Amino acid sequence: MKKNTKEIMKEKLTGLTDKKITRKEAIRKSGYIAVSAVTMMILLGNPEKAQASSPAPVGPWVP
């Protein structure tokens, strides 16, 4: 027997809301996100400085 779309969506949504994490796990995950964001900022460096040192684009247009 085929299930209709509403029943399938209801089953998927109930599965998502049942997954709970502890406060300790939430703090740990947010720490990982913060560390990865800082690392990305360090690796990318200063974008304004990088743009200033890059050569002007060469294209077929004439300004």
PDB file of N, CA and C in Angstrom:
ATOM      1  N   MET A   1       0.837  -1.170   0.000  1.00  0.00           N
ATOM      2  CA  MET A   1       0.000   0.000   0.000  1.00  0.00           C
ATOM      3  C   MET A   1       0.892   1.247   0.000  1.00  0.00           C
ATOM      4  N   LYS A   2       0.576   2.190  -0.849  1.00  0.00           N
ATOM      5  CA  LYS A   2       1.362   3.407  -0.966  1.00  0.00           C
ATOM      6  C   LYS A   2       0.965   4.410   0.106  1.00  0.00           C
ATOM      7  N   LYS A   3       1.989   5.089   0.658  1.00  0.00           N
ATOM      8  CA  LYS A   3       1.718   6.138   1.635  1.00  0.00           C
ATOM      9  C   LYS A   3       1.588   7.458   0.895  1.00  0.00           C
ATOM     10  N   ASN A   4       0.743   8.295   1.414  1.00  0.00           N
ATOM     11  CA  ASN A   4       0.633   9.602   0.781  1.00  0.00           C
ATOM     12  C   ASN A   4       1.747  10.524   1.293  1.00  0.00           C
ATOM     13  N   THR A   5       1.916  11.654   0.661  1.00  0.00           N
ATOM     14  CA  THR A   5       3.019  12.564   0.937  1.00  0.00           C
ATOM     15  C   THR A   5       2.961  13.110   2.360  1.00  0.00           C
ATOM     16  N   LYS A   6       1.777  13.402   2.851  1.00  0.00           N
ATOM     17  CA  LYS A   6       1.641  13.962   4.201  1.00  0.00           C
ATOM     18  C   LYS A   6       2.151  12.982   5.254  1.00  0.00           C
ATOM     19  N   GLU A   7       1.843  11.701   5.095  1.00  0.00           N
ATOM     20  CA  GLU A   7       2.287  10.703   6.062  1.00  0.00           C
ATOM     21  C   GLU A   7       3.810  10.557   6.034  1.00  0.00           C
ATOM     22  N   ILE A   8       4.386  10.581   4.850  1.00  0.00           N
ATOM     23  CA  ILE A   8       5.840  10.453   4.720  1.00  0.00           C
ATOM     24  C   ILE A   8       6.531  11.642   5.370  1.00  0.00           C
ATOM     25  N   MET A   9       6.038  12.853   5.118  1.00  0.00           N
ATOM     26  CA  MET A   9       6.634  14.055   5.703  1.00  0.00           C
ATOM     27  C   MET A   9       6.492  14.051   7.222  1.00  0.00           C
ATOM     28  N   LYS A  10       5.364  13.591   7.720  1.00  0.00           N
ATOM     29  CA  LYS A  10       5.143  13.538   9.158  1.00  0.00           C
ATOM     30  C   LYS A  10       6.145  12.590   9.816  1.00  0.00           C
ATOM     31  N   GLU A  11       6.402  11.438   9.185  1.00  0.00           N
ATOM     32  CA  GLU A  11       7.373  10.485   9.716  1.00  0.00           C
ATOM     33  C   GLU A  11       8.776  11.084   9.737  1.00  0.00           C
ATOM     34  N   LYS A  12       9.155  11.795   8.668  1.00  0.00           N
ATOM     35  CA  LYS A  12      10.490  12.388   8.601  1.00  0.00           C
ATOM     36  C   LYS A  12      10.650  13.492   9.631  1.00  0.00           C
ATOM     37  N   LEU A  13       9.627  14.332   9.820  1.00  0.00           N
ATOM     38  CA  LEU A  13       9.708  15.416  10.786  1.00  0.00           C
ATOM     39  C   LEU A  13       9.759  14.900  12.215  1.00  0.00           C
ATOM     40  N   THR A  14       9.045  13.812  12.509  1.00  0.00           N
ATOM     41  CA  THR A  14       9.089  13.269  13.861  1.00  0.00           C
ATOM     42  C   THR A  14      10.467  12.695  14.154  1.00  0.00           C
ATOM     43  N   GLY A  15      11.115  12.135  13.156  1.00  0.00           N
ATOM     44  CA  GLY A  15      12.461  11.611  13.352  1.00  0.00           C
ATOM     45  C   GLY A  15      13.463  12.718  13.633  1.00  0.00           C
ATOM     46  N   LEU A  16      13.266  13.886  13.039  1.00  0.00           N
ATOM     47  CA  LEU A  16      14.195  14.992  13.253  1.00  0.00           C
ATOM     48  C   LEU A  16      14.052  15.600  14.641  1.00  0.00           C
ATOM     49  N   THR A  17      12.858  15.690  15.142  1.00  0.00           N
ATOM     50  CA  THR A  17      12.653  16.328  16.438  1.00  0.00           C
ATOM     51  C   THR A  17      13.038  15.421  17.598  1.00  0.00           C
ATOM     52  N   ASP A  18      13.154  14.124  17.374  1.00  0.00           N
ATOM     53  CA  ASP A  18      13.508  13.201  18.444  1.00  0.00           C
ATOM     54  C   ASP A  18      14.988  13.240  18.790  1.00  0.00           C
ATOM     55  N   LYS A  19      15.822  13.779  17.909  1.00  0.00           N
ATOM     56  CA  LYS A  19      17.259  13.803  18.151  1.00  0.00           C
ATOM     57  C   LYS A  19      17.605  15.000  19.020  1.00  0.00           C
ATOM     58  N   LYS A  20      17.952  14.739  20.284  1.00  0.00           N
ATOM     59  CA  LYS A  20      18.309  15.801  21.198  1.00  0.00           C
ATOM     60  C   LYS A  20      19.740  15.578  21.672  1.00  0.00           C
ATOM     61  N   ILE A  21      20.439  16.676  21.929  1.00  0.00           N
ATOM     62  CA  ILE A  21      21.798  16.577  22.436  1.00  0.00           C
ATOM     63  C   ILE A  21      21.870  17.297  23.777  1.00  0.00           C
ATOM     64  N   THR A  22      22.882  16.959  24.544  1.00  0.00           N
ATOM     65  CA  THR A  22      23.028  17.585  25.850  1.00  0.00           C
ATOM     66  C   THR A  22      23.655  18.967  25.706  1.00  0.00           C
ATOM     67  N   ARG A  23      23.623  19.725  26.778  1.00  0.00           N
ATOM     68  CA  ARG A  23      24.210  21.067  26.778  1.00  0.00           C
ATOM     69  C   ARG A  23      25.717  20.980  26.535  1.00  0.00           C
ATOM     70  N   LYS A  24      26.346  19.983  27.119  1.00  0.00           N
ATOM     71  CA  LYS A  24      27.796  19.802  26.953  1.00  0.00           C
ATOM     72  C   LYS A  24      28.141  19.544  25.491  1.00  0.00           C
ATOM     73  N   GLU A  25      27.356  18.711  24.827  1.00  0.00           N
ATOM     74  CA  GLU A  25      27.587  18.436  23.402  1.00  0.00           C
ATOM     75  C   GLU A  25      27.355  19.686  22.554  1.00  0.00           C
ATOM     76  N   ALA A  26      26.345  20.486  22.901  1.00  0.00           N
ATOM     77  CA  ALA A  26      26.056  21.710  22.152  1.00  0.00           C
ATOM     78  C   ALA A  26      27.199  22.707  22.288  1.00  0.00           C
ATOM     79  N   ILE A  27      27.741  22.842  23.501  1.00  0.00           N
ATOM     80  CA  ILE A  27      28.871  23.754  23.710  1.00  0.00           C
ATOM     81  C   ILE A  27      30.086  23.268  22.951  1.00  0.00           C
ATOM     82  N   ARG A  28      30.322  21.972  22.958  1.00  0.00           N
ATOM     83  CA  ARG A  28      31.465  21.409  22.232  1.00  0.00           C
ATOM     84  C   ARG A  28      31.322  21.660  20.733  1.00  0.00           C
ATOM     85  N   LYS A  29      30.127  21.448  20.184  1.00  0.00           N
ATOM     86  CA  LYS A  29      29.916  21.665  18.752  1.00  0.00           C
ATOM     87  C   LYS A  29      30.057  23.134  18.374  1.00  0.00           C
ATOM     88  N   SER A  30      29.550  24.025  19.222  1.00  0.00           N
ATOM     89  CA  SER A  30      29.688  25.449  18.917  1.00  0.00           C
ATOM     90  C   SER A  30      31.149  25.868  19.008  1.00  0.00           C
ATOM     91  N   GLY A  31      31.915  25.237  19.883  1.00  0.00           N
ATOM     92  CA  GLY A  31      33.346  25.506  19.963  1.00  0.00           C
ATOM     93  C   GLY A  31      34.056  25.086  18.690  1.00  0.00           C
ATOM     94  N   TYR A  32      33.682  23.932  18.146  1.00  0.00           N
ATOM     95  CA  TYR A  32      34.279  23.465  16.887  1.00  0.00           C
ATOM     96  C   TYR A  32      33.968  24.436  15.756  1.00  0.00           C
ATOM     97  N   ILE A  33      32.742  24.945  15.736  1.00  0.00           N
ATOM     98  CA  ILE A  33      32.345  25.894  14.685  1.00  0.00           C
ATOM     99  C   ILE A  33      33.142  27.183  14.820  1.00  0.00           C
ATOM    100  N   ALA A  34      33.321  27.653  16.056  1.00  0.00           N
ATOM    101  CA  ALA A  34      34.078  28.885  16.278  1.00  0.00           C
ATOM    102  C   ALA A  34      35.538  28.709  15.865  1.00  0.00           C
ATOM    103  N   VAL A  35      36.126  27.579  16.213  1.00  0.00           N
ATOM    104  CA  VAL A  35      37.518  27.317  15.847  1.00  0.00           C
ATOM    105  C   VAL A  35      37.668  27.238  14.335  1.00  0.00           C
ATOM    106  N   SER A  36      36.732  26.592  13.664  1.00  0.00           N
ATOM    107  CA  SER A  36      36.840  26.492  12.214  1.00  0.00           C
ATOM    108  C   SER A  36      36.658  27.852  11.547  1.00  0.00           C
ATOM    109  N   ALA A  37      35.803  28.713  12.104  1.00  0.00           N
ATOM    110  CA  ALA A  37      35.616  30.050  11.543  1.00  0.00           C
ATOM    111  C   ALA A  37      36.874  30.892  11.708  1.00  0.00           C
ATOM    112  N   VAL A  38      37.508  30.822  12.871  1.00  0.00           N
ATOM    113  CA  VAL A  38      38.742  31.568  13.104  1.00  0.00           C
ATOM    114  C   VAL A  38      39.846  31.058  12.191  1.00  0.00           C
ATOM    115  N   THR A  39      39.935  29.750  12.045  1.00  0.00           N
ATOM    116  CA  THR A  39      40.950  29.169  11.164  1.00  0.00           C
ATOM    117  C   THR A  39      40.757  29.639   9.728  1.00  0.00           C
ATOM    118  N   MET A  40      39.517  29.674   9.274  1.00  0.00           N
ATOM    119  CA  MET A  40      39.231  30.129   7.917  1.00  0.00           C
ATOM    120  C   MET A  40      39.625  31.590   7.743  1.00  0.00           C
ATOM    121  N   MET A  41      39.353  32.418   8.746  1.00  0.00           N
ATOM    122  CA  MET A  41      39.720  33.829   8.662  1.00  0.00           C
ATOM    123  C   MET A  41      41.242  33.988   8.609  1.00  0.00           C
ATOM    124  N   ILE A  42      41.951  33.178   9.376  1.00  0.00           N
ATOM    125  CA  ILE A  42      43.416  33.254   9.380  1.00  0.00           C
ATOM    126  C   ILE A  42      43.973  32.803   8.034  1.00  0.00           C
ATOM    127  N   LEU A  43      43.427  31.713   7.513  1.00  0.00           N
ATOM    128  CA  LEU A  43      43.929  31.182   6.242  1.00  0.00           C
ATOM    129  C   LEU A  43      43.642  32.125   5.078  1.00  0.00           C
ATOM    130  N   LEU A  44      42.494  32.757   5.096  1.00  0.00           N
ATOM    131  CA  LEU A  44      42.153  33.667   4.007  1.00  0.00           C
ATOM    132  C   LEU A  44      42.910  34.986   4.124  1.00  0.00           C
ATOM    133  N   GLY A  45      43.275  35.333   5.333  1.00  0.00           N
ATOM    134  CA  GLY A  45      44.022  36.575   5.532  1.00  0.00           C
ATOM    135  C   GLY A  45      43.146  37.788   5.366  1.00  0.00           C
ATOM    136  N   ASN A  46      43.761  38.873   4.962  1.00  0.00           N
ATOM    137  CA  ASN A  46      43.049  40.133   4.784  1.00  0.00           C
ATOM    138  C   ASN A  46      42.643  40.263   3.317  1.00  0.00           C
ATOM    139  N   PRO A  47      41.361  40.146   2.973  1.00  0.00           N
ATOM    140  CA  PRO A  47      40.951  40.177   1.569  1.00  0.00           C
ATOM    141  C   PRO A  47      41.197  41.523   0.885  1.00  0.00           C
ATOM    142  N   GLU A  48      41.089  42.630   1.627  1.00  0.00           N
ATOM    143  CA  GLU A  48      41.329  43.937   1.006  1.00  0.00           C
ATOM    144  C   GLU A  48      42.783  44.059   0.577  1.00  0.00           C
ATOM    145  N   LYS A  49      43.680  43.571   1.413  1.00  0.00           N
ATOM    146  CA  LYS A  49      45.099  43.630   1.102  1.00  0.00           C
ATOM    147  C   LYS A  49      45.409  42.739  -0.104  1.00  0.00           C
ATOM    148  N   ALA A  50      44.781  41.583  -0.176  1.00  0.00           N
ATOM    149  CA  ALA A  50      45.007  40.666  -1.294  1.00  0.00           C
ATOM    150  C   ALA A  50      44.480  41.263  -2.603  1.00  0.00           C
ATOM    151  N   GLN A  51      43.360  41.958  -2.560  1.00  0.00           N
ATOM    152  CA  GLN A  51      42.803  42.564  -3.768  1.00  0.00           C
ATOM    153  C   GLN A  51      43.678  43.709  -4.246  1.00  0.00           C
ATOM    154  N   ALA A  52      44.257  44.458  -3.321  1.00  0.00           N
ATOM    155  CA  ALA A  52      45.076  45.600  -3.698  1.00  0.00           C
ATOM    156  C   ALA A  52      46.363  45.158  -4.387  1.00  0.00           C
ATOM    157  N   SER A  53      46.875  43.984  -4.015  1.00  0.00           N
ATOM    158  CA  SER A  53      48.135  43.531  -4.595  1.00  0.00           C
ATOM    159  C   SER A  53      47.942  42.716  -5.874  1.00  0.00           C
ATOM    160  N   SER A  54      46.720  42.347  -6.196  1.00  0.00           N
ATOM    161  CA  SER A  54      46.490  41.549  -7.398  1.00  0.00           C
ATOM    162  C   SER A  54      46.488  42.447  -8.635  1.00  0.00           C
ATOM    163  N   PRO A  55      46.920  41.921  -9.768  1.00  0.00           N
ATOM    164  CA  PRO A  55      46.942  42.734 -10.991  1.00  0.00           C
ATOM    165  C   PRO A  55      45.527  43.017 -11.497  1.00  0.00           C
ATOM    166  N   ALA A  56      45.399  44.062 -12.269  1.00  0.00           N
ATOM    167  CA  ALA A  56      44.103  44.432 -12.831  1.00  0.00           C
ATOM    168  C   ALA A  56      43.665  43.368 -13.838  1.00  0.00           C
ATOM    169  N   PRO A  57      42.381  43.047 -13.883  1.00  0.00           N
ATOM    170  CA  PRO A  57      41.909  42.038 -14.830  1.00  0.00           C
ATOM    171  C   PRO A  57      42.024  42.528 -16.264  1.00  0.00           C
ATOM    172  N   VAL A  58      42.371  41.617 -17.147  1.00  0.00           N
ATOM    173  CA  VAL A  58      42.491  41.936 -18.550  1.00  0.00           C
ATOM    174  C   VAL A  58      41.297  41.353 -19.268  1.00  0.00           C
ATOM    175  N   GLY A  59      40.591  42.188 -20.010  1.00  0.00           N
ATOM    176  CA  GLY A  59      39.401  41.707 -20.683  1.00  0.00           C
ATOM    177  C   GLY A  59      39.252  42.384 -22.028  1.00  0.00           C
ATOM    178  N   PRO A  60      38.283  41.941 -22.830  1.00  0.00           N
ATOM    179  CA  PRO A  60      38.097  42.506 -24.160  1.00  0.00           C
ATOM    180  C   PRO A  60      37.400  43.865 -24.159  1.00  0.00           C
ATOM    181  N   TRP A  61      36.935  44.306 -22.994  1.00  0.00           N
ATOM    182  CA  TRP A  61      36.222  45.578 -22.942  1.00  0.00           C
ATOM    183  C   TRP A  61      37.185  46.756 -22.754  1.00  0.00           C
ATOM    184  N   VAL A  62      36.726  47.921 -23.160  1.00  0.00           N
ATOM    185  CA  VAL A  62      37.504  49.143 -22.980  1.00  0.00           C
ATOM    186  C   VAL A  62      36.686  50.087 -22.116  1.00  0.00           C
ATOM    187  N   PRO A  63      37.182  50.463 -20.954  1.00  0.00           N
ATOM    188  CA  PRO A  63      36.380  51.327 -20.072  1.00  0.00           C
ATOM    189  C   PRO A  63      36.298  52.755 -20.541  1.00  0.00           C
TER     190      PRO A  63
END
